[in-house]
């Protein structure tokens, strides 16, 4: 029923040049859909969402331990990502529940997720970033979570349904997160259930298996409240050369605060993330070493040092989270096998009374003779004459590196210009993008920068896709601005199996593994995955690295 309602809304809201008069209808339709979902949420989801749809296929295949690969066009698969997760008792971990439609658009999905209550405890669900914006409240029972979602604009390809948080309640063992045969994915074309495959996830609880390690050390312990002290994070990989190091730390924000990061002397040559938050007590570091990577010999080496400050007395621990990883250069696999946290004792101490400083005695000086004010020399005025996107094609694929070019008068030489990219929503205004281009400097009459293209749905449920972008160029030190000229830049999102910038291992996602793939292929000009050659110059270098970092930010992998 809801699938047909989505199709009806989509057809009613088809946009032509005169979209303005349809905006109230769009808003009304969206509100009506949401109201329908919530009013009917007291009934089982299949009753209120799928009551008029066809029955699910007679069989669904379990694809345990792998990301499911559909073999039949037009059949969908729900799966857990990542396929394998290392977890520790009483420490939360997250998995994504995703769907791959294999070329058949869907507008409703129900994932019935099963987990062993003897091993795992369900904590929460997060719909941030979901491809399905309309939801029925999640239902839970011991060992089961039912996620029910829909969308006005059909999803075609690989999409996020929701992110689940679990907590292991045993010290060691293996747990499977799987899907019930009651799970469904509804085609927006046929209103039938096209779900045939399910990809389960494996949770390894307890000690990690691998040869590499992270260790936190400090020469100051105990620490006096108010004292600043140094903590060093060391990495060790004696057995294999590694090229990517991802360290996630946590600390008690009530007892400690990070004063500054100290990367000097680190073996990392390419930093993707150096982040900390004293409000939440988290540190996130991600950096790499291009091929052949780094291999240690019996002792750890410095990845990062931190200056911490003790705030309140008591015992505390700086922990290395199980989401950390060290990736091998040869095959980009996580080989982090052990971590060593840092336990600290924070103790109260007397606060010294500062000695008063003597008050200096001033002396009268000579009265300066005023100098005559010189007449100002006229300065040529810099004017901006044009701003445009420079790209061989329009639209471009999400993740493409697009040149931004501004021209001006000869007086602009040496002046700087900043850029703000906006997704155009017509009379409704605009949406800001996650990452704006870097500041550019005029060389002669031209200033060039670049933007890694982002995709965000345009309109309710993406009904106006593809989104259109323009930018504003602003001359630094003046109020002079100029909007980019038409045509606006359109950005499309890759579908299932389509080429995707940044996806070096071709698994349909852009994550830290792809950064490791880039490190493995550093400086190559042939035989490289074209997905990581972001600027298409047949060379993997710092330009591609910087662009991939921006894509990782867009994907929410790093901050």
Protein backbone atom coordinates (compact mmCIF):
# COMPACT_ATOMS: atom_id res chain seq x y z
CA UNK A 1 0.00 0.00 0.00
CA UNK A 2 2.76 2.45 1.00
CA UNK A 3 4.77 1.48 -2.04
CA UNK A 4 1.82 2.45 -4.27
CA UNK A 5 1.34 5.60 -2.25
CA UNK A 6 5.00 6.50 -2.84
CA UNK A 7 4.57 5.95 -6.57
CA UNK A 8 1.41 8.06 -6.60
CA UNK A 9 3.16 10.87 -4.75
CA UNK A 10 6.11 10.65 -7.09
CA UNK A 11 3.92 10.88 -10.19
CA UNK A 12 1.84 13.72 -8.72
CA UNK A 13 4.94 15.67 -7.83
CA UNK A 14 6.77 15.33 -11.12
CA UNK A 15 8.64 18.56 -11.53
CA UNK A 16 8.60 20.70 -14.58
CA UNK A 17 9.72 24.29 -15.07
CA UNK A 18 6.82 25.59 -12.98
CA UNK A 19 7.72 23.79 -9.72
CA UNK A 20 6.90 26.77 -7.53
CA UNK A 21 3.16 26.17 -7.42
CA UNK A 22 3.70 22.50 -6.45
CA UNK A 23 5.76 23.19 -3.32
CA UNK A 24 2.71 23.13 -0.98
CA UNK A 25 1.70 19.78 -2.48
CA UNK A 26 5.18 18.39 -1.90
CA UNK A 27 5.15 19.40 1.74
CA UNK A 28 1.59 18.14 2.21
CA UNK A 29 2.40 14.77 0.63
CA UNK A 30 5.48 14.34 2.81
CA UNK A 31 3.55 15.19 5.98
CA UNK A 32 0.76 12.84 4.97
CA UNK A 33 3.18 9.98 4.46
CA UNK A 34 4.82 10.52 7.83
CA UNK A 35 1.43 10.76 9.52
CA UNK A 36 0.31 7.55 7.87
CA UNK A 37 3.36 5.71 9.10
CA UNK A 38 3.02 6.82 12.69
CA UNK A 39 -0.74 6.40 12.92
CA UNK A 40 -0.43 2.86 11.66
CA UNK A 41 2.62 1.96 13.73
CA UNK A 42 0.54 0.15 16.34
CA UNK A 43 0.00 -2.72 13.88
CA UNK A 44 2.75 -5.06 12.71
CA UNK A 45 4.81 -3.47 9.98
CA UNK A 46 3.90 -5.94 7.29
CA UNK A 47 0.22 -5.21 7.98
CA UNK A 48 0.46 -1.43 7.67
CA UNK A 49 3.20 -1.20 5.05
CA UNK A 50 2.93 -4.30 2.89
CA UNK A 51 -0.69 -5.44 3.30
CA UNK A 52 -1.51 -5.04 -0.39
CA UNK A 53 1.81 -6.23 -1.74
CA UNK A 54 2.78 -9.62 -3.07
CA UNK A 55 4.17 -12.32 -0.88
CA UNK A 56 7.92 -12.56 -0.42
CA UNK A 57 9.86 -14.94 -2.67
CA UNK A 58 9.56 -18.57 -1.66
CA UNK A 59 13.23 -18.80 -0.69
CA UNK A 60 15.93 -16.47 0.48
CA UNK A 61 19.57 -17.50 0.52
CA UNK A 62 21.82 -16.88 3.51
CA UNK A 63 25.28 -15.69 2.52
CA UNK A 64 26.99 -16.13 5.86
CA UNK A 65 30.32 -14.43 6.44
CA UNK A 66 30.44 -12.49 3.18
CA UNK A 67 28.98 -9.31 1.75
CA UNK A 68 26.24 -10.82 -0.36
CA UNK A 69 26.77 -10.63 -4.09
CA UNK A 70 23.55 -10.86 -6.10
CA UNK A 71 23.71 -13.15 -9.09
CA UNK A 72 20.33 -12.25 -10.55
CA UNK A 73 19.52 -8.78 -11.79
CA UNK A 74 16.52 -7.31 -10.02
CA UNK A 75 16.90 -9.23 -6.77
CA UNK A 76 17.82 -7.48 -3.54
CA UNK A 77 20.05 -8.41 -0.64
CA UNK A 78 20.21 -7.12 2.92
CA UNK A 79 23.55 -7.42 4.66
CA UNK A 80 25.63 -6.45 7.67
CA UNK A 81 28.66 -4.19 7.24
CA UNK A 82 31.40 -4.79 8.11
CA UNK A 83 31.19 -8.52 7.55
CA UNK A 84 33.57 -9.23 10.44
CA UNK A 85 33.83 -7.10 13.59
CA UNK A 86 36.26 -7.45 16.48
CA UNK A 87 34.58 -6.59 19.79
CA UNK A 88 35.41 -6.57 23.48
CA UNK A 89 33.18 -7.51 26.41
CA UNK A 90 31.09 -4.58 27.72
CA UNK A 91 32.34 -2.20 25.00
CA UNK A 92 29.80 -0.99 22.44
CA UNK A 93 30.35 -1.60 18.75
CA UNK A 94 28.35 -0.62 15.68
CA UNK A 95 27.31 -2.37 12.49
CA UNK A 96 25.47 -1.01 9.49
CA UNK A 97 22.38 -2.70 8.08
CA UNK A 98 22.40 -2.11 4.32
CA UNK A 99 20.50 -3.17 1.22
CA UNK A 100 21.75 -3.78 -2.31
CA UNK A 101 18.96 -3.66 -4.90
CA UNK A 102 21.01 -4.92 -7.85
CA UNK A 103 19.43 -2.57 -10.36
CA UNK A 104 15.80 -2.74 -9.21
CA UNK A 105 14.51 0.40 -7.43
CA UNK A 106 12.77 -0.12 -4.08
CA UNK A 107 10.80 2.28 -1.88
CA UNK A 108 10.21 0.21 1.24
CA UNK A 109 12.33 -2.20 3.25
CA UNK A 110 11.94 -4.25 6.40
CA UNK A 111 15.06 -5.80 7.97
CA UNK A 112 14.39 -8.25 10.78
CA UNK A 113 17.77 -8.54 12.48
CA UNK A 114 18.49 -11.50 14.76
CA UNK A 115 21.28 -11.71 17.35
CA UNK A 116 22.16 -14.19 20.11
CA UNK A 117 21.01 -12.88 23.49
CA UNK A 118 23.54 -15.11 25.25
CA UNK A 119 26.39 -13.18 23.60
CA UNK A 120 25.13 -9.72 22.63
CA UNK A 121 22.97 -7.00 24.09
CA UNK A 122 21.10 -4.60 21.79
CA UNK A 123 21.85 -0.96 22.71
CA UNK A 124 20.35 1.44 20.15
CA UNK A 125 19.53 2.29 16.54
CA UNK A 126 20.63 5.37 14.56
CA UNK A 127 18.99 6.41 11.30
CA UNK A 128 21.52 9.15 10.46
CA UNK A 129 22.49 8.92 6.80
CA UNK A 130 19.80 6.35 5.97
CA UNK A 131 18.71 6.13 2.34
CA UNK A 132 15.14 5.68 3.63
CA UNK A 133 13.83 8.85 5.23
CA UNK A 134 10.43 7.59 6.34
CA UNK A 135 10.21 5.14 9.22
CA UNK A 136 7.87 3.17 11.40
CA UNK A 137 9.14 3.08 15.00
CA UNK A 138 11.62 0.24 15.49
CA UNK A 139 10.31 -2.78 17.36
CA UNK A 140 12.52 -4.98 19.51
CA UNK A 141 12.20 -8.27 21.32
CA UNK A 142 14.85 -10.48 22.93
CA UNK A 143 17.18 -11.48 20.12
CA UNK A 144 15.44 -9.47 17.39
CA UNK A 145 15.29 -5.91 16.03
CA UNK A 146 12.79 -5.01 13.30
CA UNK A 147 13.75 -1.99 11.19
CA UNK A 148 10.96 -0.69 8.93
CA UNK A 149 11.62 2.17 6.52
CA UNK A 150 10.36 3.74 3.32
CA UNK A 151 11.17 6.56 0.91
CA UNK A 152 9.33 8.76 -1.59
CA UNK A 153 12.19 8.66 -4.11
CA UNK A 154 13.05 5.00 -4.81
CA UNK A 155 16.48 3.71 -3.83
CA UNK A 156 18.39 2.00 -6.63
CA UNK A 157 21.75 0.60 -5.66
CA UNK A 158 23.50 0.15 -2.35
CA UNK A 159 21.92 2.06 0.54
CA UNK A 160 22.11 2.37 4.29
CA UNK A 161 19.03 1.28 6.21
CA UNK A 162 20.25 2.06 9.74
CA UNK A 163 23.18 1.66 12.13
CA UNK A 164 22.81 -0.65 15.13
CA UNK A 165 24.82 -0.55 18.35
CA UNK A 166 25.40 -3.76 20.33
CA UNK A 167 27.45 -4.68 23.39
CA UNK A 168 29.11 -8.08 23.96
CA UNK A 169 28.19 -9.60 27.33
CA UNK A 170 30.64 -12.51 27.20
CA UNK A 171 34.44 -12.48 27.49
CA UNK A 172 35.15 -14.45 24.34
CA UNK A 173 33.40 -16.26 21.55
CA UNK A 174 31.82 -15.75 18.14
CA UNK A 175 28.36 -14.27 17.55
CA UNK A 176 26.36 -14.01 14.32
CA UNK A 177 24.13 -11.08 13.40
CA UNK A 178 21.71 -12.44 10.83
CA UNK A 179 18.40 -11.69 9.11
CA UNK A 180 15.05 -13.40 9.47
CA UNK A 181 13.32 -14.76 6.38
CA UNK A 182 10.55 -12.27 7.20
CA UNK A 183 12.78 -9.45 5.93
CA UNK A 184 11.49 -7.72 2.78
CA UNK A 185 12.49 -5.22 0.09
CA UNK A 186 9.63 -3.89 -2.03
CA UNK A 187 10.11 -2.98 -5.69
CA UNK A 188 8.66 0.41 -6.59
CA UNK A 189 7.93 -0.90 -10.09
CA UNK A 190 6.07 -4.13 -9.30
CA UNK A 191 5.11 -3.63 -5.62
CA UNK A 192 6.52 -7.10 -4.98
CA UNK A 193 9.11 -8.34 -2.51
CA UNK A 194 12.40 -8.81 -4.39
CA UNK A 195 14.58 -9.75 -1.41
CA UNK A 196 16.35 -13.05 -2.11
CA UNK A 197 19.71 -12.94 -0.35
CA UNK A 198 20.90 -12.09 3.15
CA UNK A 199 24.48 -11.37 4.18
CA UNK A 200 25.14 -12.06 7.83
CA UNK A 201 27.84 -10.54 10.02
CA UNK A 202 30.34 -12.25 12.32
CA UNK A 203 31.33 -10.72 15.66
CA UNK A 204 34.59 -12.02 17.15
CA UNK A 205 34.48 -11.32 20.88
CA UNK A 206 37.66 -11.29 22.92
CA UNK A 207 41.31 -11.14 21.95
CA UNK A 208 42.05 -9.97 18.44
CA UNK A 209 44.07 -12.16 16.12
CA UNK A 210 46.88 -10.30 14.42
CA UNK A 211 50.54 -9.42 14.61
CA UNK A 212 50.45 -5.64 15.16
CA UNK A 213 49.79 -3.63 18.31
CA UNK A 214 49.04 -0.21 19.78
CA UNK A 215 50.45 0.80 23.19
CA UNK A 216 49.93 3.90 25.34
CA UNK A 217 52.84 4.91 27.61
CA UNK A 218 53.67 7.78 29.95
CA UNK A 219 56.69 8.50 32.15
CA UNK A 220 54.52 10.52 34.53
CA UNK A 221 52.41 8.49 36.94
CA UNK A 222 50.96 9.42 39.42
CA UNK A 223 49.90 12.85 38.16
CA UNK A 224 48.99 15.88 40.26
CA UNK A 225 45.72 17.66 39.54
CA UNK A 226 46.45 20.71 37.39
CA UNK A 227 49.63 19.14 36.02
CA UNK A 228 50.26 18.71 32.30
CA UNK A 229 51.90 15.46 31.25
CA UNK A 230 52.89 13.63 28.07
CA UNK A 231 51.30 10.42 26.77
CA UNK A 232 52.70 8.62 23.71
CA UNK A 233 50.87 6.22 21.40
CA UNK A 234 53.23 3.65 19.93
CA UNK A 235 52.56 1.25 17.05
CA UNK A 236 54.41 -2.00 16.44
CA UNK A 237 54.27 -4.34 13.45
CA UNK A 238 57.24 -6.71 13.45
CA UNK A 239 55.79 -9.45 11.27
CA UNK A 240 54.24 -7.44 8.41
CA UNK A 241 54.77 -4.08 6.80
CA UNK A 242 51.73 -1.88 7.49
CA UNK A 243 50.63 1.27 5.66
CA UNK A 244 47.57 2.58 7.55
CA UNK A 245 47.13 3.23 11.25
CA UNK A 246 43.70 4.04 12.71
CA UNK A 247 43.70 4.75 16.46
CA UNK A 248 40.50 5.49 18.38
CA UNK A 249 41.00 6.48 22.04
CA UNK A 250 38.66 7.33 24.88
CA UNK A 251 39.25 9.10 28.18
CA UNK A 252 37.19 10.38 31.11
CA UNK A 253 36.42 14.00 30.20
CA UNK A 254 35.64 14.75 33.85
CA UNK A 255 39.18 13.84 34.90
CA UNK A 256 41.36 14.61 31.88
CA UNK A 257 41.58 17.02 29.00
CA UNK A 258 43.79 17.10 25.91
CA UNK A 259 45.88 20.26 25.80
CA UNK A 260 47.46 19.63 22.41
CA UNK A 261 48.58 16.94 20.00
CA UNK A 262 52.32 16.44 19.47
CA UNK A 263 52.87 14.81 16.02
CA UNK A 264 56.54 15.86 15.71
CA UNK A 265 58.69 12.76 15.32
CA UNK A 266 55.81 10.51 14.22
CA UNK A 267 56.49 7.87 11.57
CA UNK A 268 53.22 8.87 9.84
CA UNK A 269 53.88 10.81 6.63
CA UNK A 270 50.29 11.26 5.39
CA UNK A 271 47.78 12.40 8.01
CA UNK A 272 44.08 12.01 7.27
CA UNK A 273 42.71 12.83 10.73
CA UNK A 274 43.96 14.38 13.96
CA UNK A 275 40.86 14.92 16.07
CA UNK A 276 40.04 15.22 19.75
CA UNK A 277 37.03 16.38 21.74
CA UNK A 278 37.36 17.26 25.41
CA UNK A 279 33.59 17.33 25.82
CA UNK A 280 33.10 13.70 24.78
CA UNK A 281 36.49 12.33 25.80
CA UNK A 282 37.50 10.99 22.40
CA UNK A 283 40.58 11.03 20.20
CA UNK A 284 40.61 9.85 16.58
CA UNK A 285 43.81 9.51 14.57
CA UNK A 286 44.19 8.21 11.02
CA UNK A 287 47.40 8.30 9.03
CA UNK A 288 49.43 6.33 6.55
CA UNK A 289 52.85 5.50 5.20
CA UNK A 290 53.03 4.95 1.41
CA UNK A 291 54.26 1.61 0.07
CA UNK A 292 56.26 -0.31 1.18
CA UNK A 293 54.82 0.93 4.50
CA UNK A 294 56.63 0.47 7.80
CA UNK A 295 57.81 -2.67 9.56
CA UNK A 296 59.23 -2.48 13.07
CA UNK A 297 61.97 -4.55 14.68
CA UNK A 298 61.12 -5.58 18.21
CA UNK A 299 59.87 -2.29 19.61
CA UNK A 300 57.16 0.25 19.08
CA UNK A 301 57.52 3.57 17.25
CA UNK A 302 55.76 6.86 17.91
CA UNK A 303 52.51 7.49 16.06
CA UNK A 304 51.39 10.45 18.17
CA UNK A 305 52.03 12.11 21.52
CA UNK A 306 49.47 14.03 23.54
CA UNK A 307 49.81 16.62 26.26
CA UNK A 308 47.08 15.87 28.79
CA UNK A 309 46.07 17.87 31.85
CA UNK A 310 44.72 16.31 35.04
CA UNK A 311 41.43 17.91 36.17
CA UNK A 312 40.19 15.94 39.20
CA UNK A 313 41.71 13.34 41.49
CA UNK A 314 41.12 9.60 41.24
CA UNK A 315 42.05 6.58 39.12
CA UNK A 316 41.40 6.78 35.41
CA UNK A 317 42.27 5.00 32.17
CA UNK A 318 43.01 6.16 28.64
CA UNK A 319 41.68 3.34 26.46
CA UNK A 320 42.32 2.16 22.91
CA UNK A 321 38.97 1.24 21.39
CA UNK A 322 38.35 -2.02 19.46
CA UNK A 323 37.37 0.01 16.38
CA UNK A 324 41.07 0.84 15.94
CA UNK A 325 43.05 -0.90 13.21
CA UNK A 326 46.43 -1.38 11.56
CA UNK A 327 46.24 -2.37 7.89
CA UNK A 328 48.83 -4.48 6.10
CA UNK A 329 50.49 -3.01 3.00
CA UNK A 330 50.35 -6.18 0.91
CA UNK A 331 46.61 -6.94 1.09
CA UNK A 332 45.06 -4.06 3.11
CA UNK A 333 43.82 -6.41 5.85
CA UNK A 334 43.53 -5.35 9.50
CA UNK A 335 46.34 -7.01 11.49
CA UNK A 336 45.85 -5.24 14.83
CA UNK A 337 46.23 -8.03 17.37
CA UNK A 338 46.63 -6.36 20.76
CA UNK A 339 46.25 -3.03 22.51
CA UNK A 340 47.63 -1.77 25.82
CA UNK A 341 45.67 0.93 27.64
CA UNK A 342 47.18 3.43 30.10
CA UNK A 343 46.00 3.38 33.74
CA UNK A 344 46.72 6.59 35.68
CA UNK A 345 46.45 7.82 39.23
CA UNK A 346 45.44 11.47 39.55
CA UNK A 347 46.17 12.94 42.97
CA UNK A 348 45.41 16.24 44.67
CA UNK A 349 48.25 18.65 45.32
CA UNK A 350 48.83 21.97 47.04
CA UNK A 351 48.52 24.97 44.80
CA UNK A 352 51.61 27.20 45.20
CA UNK A 353 51.03 30.86 46.01
CA UNK A 354 52.67 33.01 43.37
CA UNK A 355 55.23 35.60 44.55
CA UNK A 356 54.16 39.18 43.89
CA UNK A 357 56.00 40.84 41.06
CA UNK A 358 57.58 44.26 41.69
CA UNK A 359 55.83 47.18 40.08
CA UNK A 360 58.18 48.80 37.56
CA UNK A 361 58.88 52.51 37.97
CA UNK A 362 58.22 54.46 34.82
CA UNK A 363 60.43 57.22 33.52
CA UNK A 364 59.47 60.13 31.38
CA UNK A 365 60.71 60.03 27.82
CA UNK A 366 61.13 62.71 25.17
CA UNK A 367 58.05 63.90 23.34
CA UNK A 368 58.25 62.67 19.71
CA UNK A 369 58.08 65.17 16.91
CA UNK A 370 55.07 64.45 14.67
CA UNK A 371 55.87 63.38 11.10
CA UNK A 372 53.96 64.83 8.18
CA UNK A 373 51.26 62.52 6.76
CA UNK A 374 52.23 61.43 3.23
CA UNK A 375 49.67 61.71 0.46
CA UNK A 376 48.13 58.29 -0.37
CA UNK A 377 49.21 56.61 -3.60
CA UNK A 378 46.27 55.40 -5.69
CA UNK A 379 46.01 51.57 -5.64
CA UNK A 380 44.62 49.73 -8.69
CA UNK A 381 41.30 48.06 -7.92
CA UNK A 382 40.89 44.30 -8.23
CA UNK A 383 37.59 43.32 -9.82
CA UNK A 384 36.22 39.80 -10.30
CA UNK A 385 35.03 39.24 -13.85
CA UNK A 386 33.95 35.60 -14.06
CA UNK A 387 33.55 32.44 -11.96
CA UNK A 388 32.78 29.02 -13.43
CA UNK A 389 33.00 25.24 -12.99
CA UNK A 390 35.65 23.72 -15.24
CA UNK A 391 34.78 20.11 -16.05
CA UNK A 392 34.75 17.99 -19.22
CA UNK A 393 31.25 16.74 -18.38
CA UNK A 394 28.19 17.85 -16.46
CA UNK A 395 26.77 16.09 -14.47
CA UNK A 396 29.75 14.56 -12.64
CA UNK A 397 29.89 11.50 -10.40
CA UNK A 398 29.99 11.90 -6.62
CA UNK A 399 33.61 12.11 -5.47
CA UNK A 400 34.94 13.65 -8.70
CA UNK A 401 37.54 16.40 -8.41
CA UNK A 402 36.12 19.48 -10.16
CA UNK A 403 38.15 22.59 -10.98
CA UNK A 404 36.93 26.00 -9.84
CA UNK A 405 38.22 29.00 -11.79
CA UNK A 406 37.83 32.71 -11.11
CA UNK A 407 39.15 35.45 -13.39
CA UNK A 408 39.73 39.08 -12.51
CA UNK A 409 41.50 42.27 -13.51
CA UNK A 410 45.31 42.55 -13.59
CA UNK A 411 45.20 44.25 -10.17
CA UNK A 412 44.07 40.93 -8.66
CA UNK A 413 47.53 39.37 -9.07
CA UNK A 414 48.63 38.00 -5.66
CA UNK A 415 45.21 38.52 -4.05
CA UNK A 416 43.42 35.61 -2.38
CA UNK A 417 39.88 34.39 -2.98
CA UNK A 418 37.74 32.04 -0.86
CA UNK A 419 34.88 29.81 -1.99
CA UNK A 420 31.55 28.67 -0.59
CA UNK A 421 29.72 25.90 -2.47
CA UNK A 422 25.94 25.68 -2.12
CA UNK A 423 23.33 23.15 -3.21
CA UNK A 424 20.60 25.16 -4.92
CA UNK A 425 17.03 24.71 -3.66
CA UNK A 426 15.48 27.51 -5.71
CA UNK A 427 13.07 29.70 -3.75
CA UNK A 428 13.61 27.48 -0.71
CA UNK A 429 17.18 28.74 -0.49
CA UNK A 430 20.22 26.49 -0.38
CA UNK A 431 21.99 23.76 1.56
CA UNK A 432 25.61 24.10 2.65
CA UNK A 433 28.12 21.43 1.69
CA UNK A 434 30.35 19.53 4.07
CA UNK A 435 33.69 20.60 2.60
CA UNK A 436 34.43 23.80 0.73
CA UNK A 437 37.36 24.33 -1.67
CA UNK A 438 40.65 25.68 -0.33
CA UNK A 439 41.53 29.36 -0.68
CA UNK A 440 43.19 30.21 -4.00
CA UNK A 441 45.69 32.95 -4.95
CA UNK A 442 45.49 34.90 -8.18
CA UNK A 443 48.36 34.29 -10.58
CA UNK A 444 47.99 37.08 -13.04
CA UNK A 445 44.28 37.28 -13.78
CA UNK A 446 43.31 33.70 -12.80
CA UNK A 447 42.75 31.87 -9.50
CA UNK A 448 42.13 28.10 -9.49
CA UNK A 449 40.92 25.77 -6.77
CA UNK A 450 39.17 22.38 -6.71
CA UNK A 451 36.16 20.78 -5.04
CA UNK A 452 35.50 17.11 -4.34
CA UNK A 453 31.90 16.79 -5.46
CA UNK A 454 29.34 15.82 -2.83
CA UNK A 455 25.90 14.28 -3.25
CA UNK A 456 22.91 15.28 -1.16
CA UNK A 457 19.29 14.59 -1.99
CA UNK A 458 17.53 17.54 -3.59
CA UNK A 459 14.03 18.06 -2.26
CA UNK A 460 11.79 15.75 -0.21
CA UNK A 461 13.21 12.24 -0.49
CA UNK A 462 15.44 13.35 -3.39
CA UNK A 463 12.51 14.03 -5.70
CA UNK A 464 14.44 16.82 -7.49
CA UNK A 465 17.64 14.80 -8.01
CA UNK A 466 20.25 15.27 -9.30
CA UNK A 467 21.23 18.17 -7.03
CA UNK A 468 22.64 21.35 -8.61
CA UNK A 469 25.53 23.32 -7.11
CA UNK A 470 26.90 26.82 -7.49
CA UNK A 471 29.61 28.65 -5.58
CA UNK A 472 30.34 32.14 -4.28
CA UNK A 473 33.84 33.53 -4.77
CA UNK A 474 34.86 36.18 -2.19
CA UNK A 475 37.92 38.40 -2.51
CA UNK A 476 39.82 38.33 0.79
CA UNK A 477 40.10 41.73 2.49
CA UNK A 478 37.14 43.23 0.67
CA UNK A 479 33.41 42.81 0.42
CA UNK A 480 33.65 41.81 -3.23
CA UNK A 481 31.85 38.57 -4.16
CA UNK A 482 30.81 36.86 -7.38
CA UNK A 483 28.48 33.91 -7.98
CA UNK A 484 29.54 31.19 -10.40
CA UNK A 485 27.93 31.42 -13.81
CA UNK A 486 25.40 28.94 -15.19
CA UNK A 487 25.16 26.09 -15.87
CA UNK A 488 25.18 24.88 -12.30
CA UNK A 489 27.12 21.70 -11.55
CA UNK A 490 24.98 18.56 -11.29
CA UNK A 491 26.21 15.61 -9.20
CA UNK A 492 24.97 12.05 -9.55
CA UNK A 493 25.30 9.14 -7.13
CA UNK A 494 26.72 5.83 -8.38
CA UNK A 495 24.41 2.85 -8.44
CA UNK A 496 25.13 -0.80 -7.73
CA UNK A 497 28.26 -2.01 -9.47
CA UNK A 498 28.98 1.40 -10.97
CA UNK A 499 32.35 3.11 -10.86
CA UNK A 500 32.78 5.11 -7.65
CA UNK A 501 35.56 7.56 -6.90
CA UNK A 502 37.54 6.55 -3.84
CA UNK A 503 36.33 2.93 -3.74
CA UNK A 504 39.76 1.36 -4.22
CA UNK A 505 38.75 -2.18 -3.27
CA UNK A 506 35.46 -1.98 -5.21
CA UNK A 507 33.23 -3.08 -2.33
CA UNK A 508 30.65 -0.33 -2.87
CA UNK A 509 31.83 1.78 0.08
CA UNK A 510 34.56 4.33 0.72
CA UNK A 511 36.29 3.71 4.04
CA UNK A 512 39.72 3.33 5.65
CA UNK A 513 40.49 0.23 3.57
CA UNK A 514 40.44 2.40 0.45
CA UNK A 515 42.96 4.74 2.07
CA UNK A 516 45.19 1.70 2.64
CA UNK A 517 44.74 0.72 -1.01
CA UNK A 518 45.90 4.21 -1.97
CA UNK A 519 49.01 3.86 0.22
CA UNK A 520 49.78 0.51 -1.45
CA UNK A 521 49.55 2.10 -4.91
CA UNK A 522 51.36 5.34 -4.02
CA UNK A 523 53.37 6.89 -6.90
CA UNK A 524 52.13 4.26 -9.36
CA UNK A 525 51.34 5.35 -12.89
CA UNK A 526 50.17 2.01 -14.30
CA UNK A 527 48.26 -0.98 -12.97
CA UNK A 528 46.45 1.08 -10.33
CA UNK A 529 42.76 1.12 -9.37
CA UNK A 530 41.35 4.07 -11.29
CA UNK A 531 38.87 4.64 -8.44
CA UNK A 532 41.66 6.12 -6.30
CA UNK A 533 43.09 8.30 -9.08
CA UNK A 534 40.73 11.06 -8.03
CA UNK A 535 42.02 13.72 -10.44
CA UNK A 536 42.46 11.28 -13.36
CA UNK A 537 46.11 12.11 -14.04
CA UNK A 538 47.32 8.46 -13.95
CA UNK A 539 49.44 9.10 -10.86
CA UNK A 540 48.63 8.39 -7.23
CA UNK A 541 50.01 11.19 -5.07
CA UNK A 542 49.19 13.78 -2.42
CA UNK A 543 46.50 15.38 -4.60
CA UNK A 544 44.53 12.12 -4.67
CA UNK A 545 45.17 11.59 -0.96
CA UNK A 546 43.77 15.01 -0.05
CA UNK A 547 40.71 14.41 -2.22
CA UNK A 548 40.11 10.95 -0.71
CA UNK A 549 40.30 12.47 2.78
CA UNK A 550 37.50 14.85 1.80
CA UNK A 551 35.43 11.93 0.48
CA UNK A 552 35.96 10.09 3.79
CA UNK A 553 34.66 13.18 5.58
CA UNK A 554 31.61 13.22 3.31
CA UNK A 555 30.99 9.56 4.13
CA UNK A 556 31.29 10.24 7.87
CA UNK A 557 34.29 7.92 8.22
CA UNK A 558 36.45 10.68 9.71
CA UNK A 559 35.75 14.07 11.26
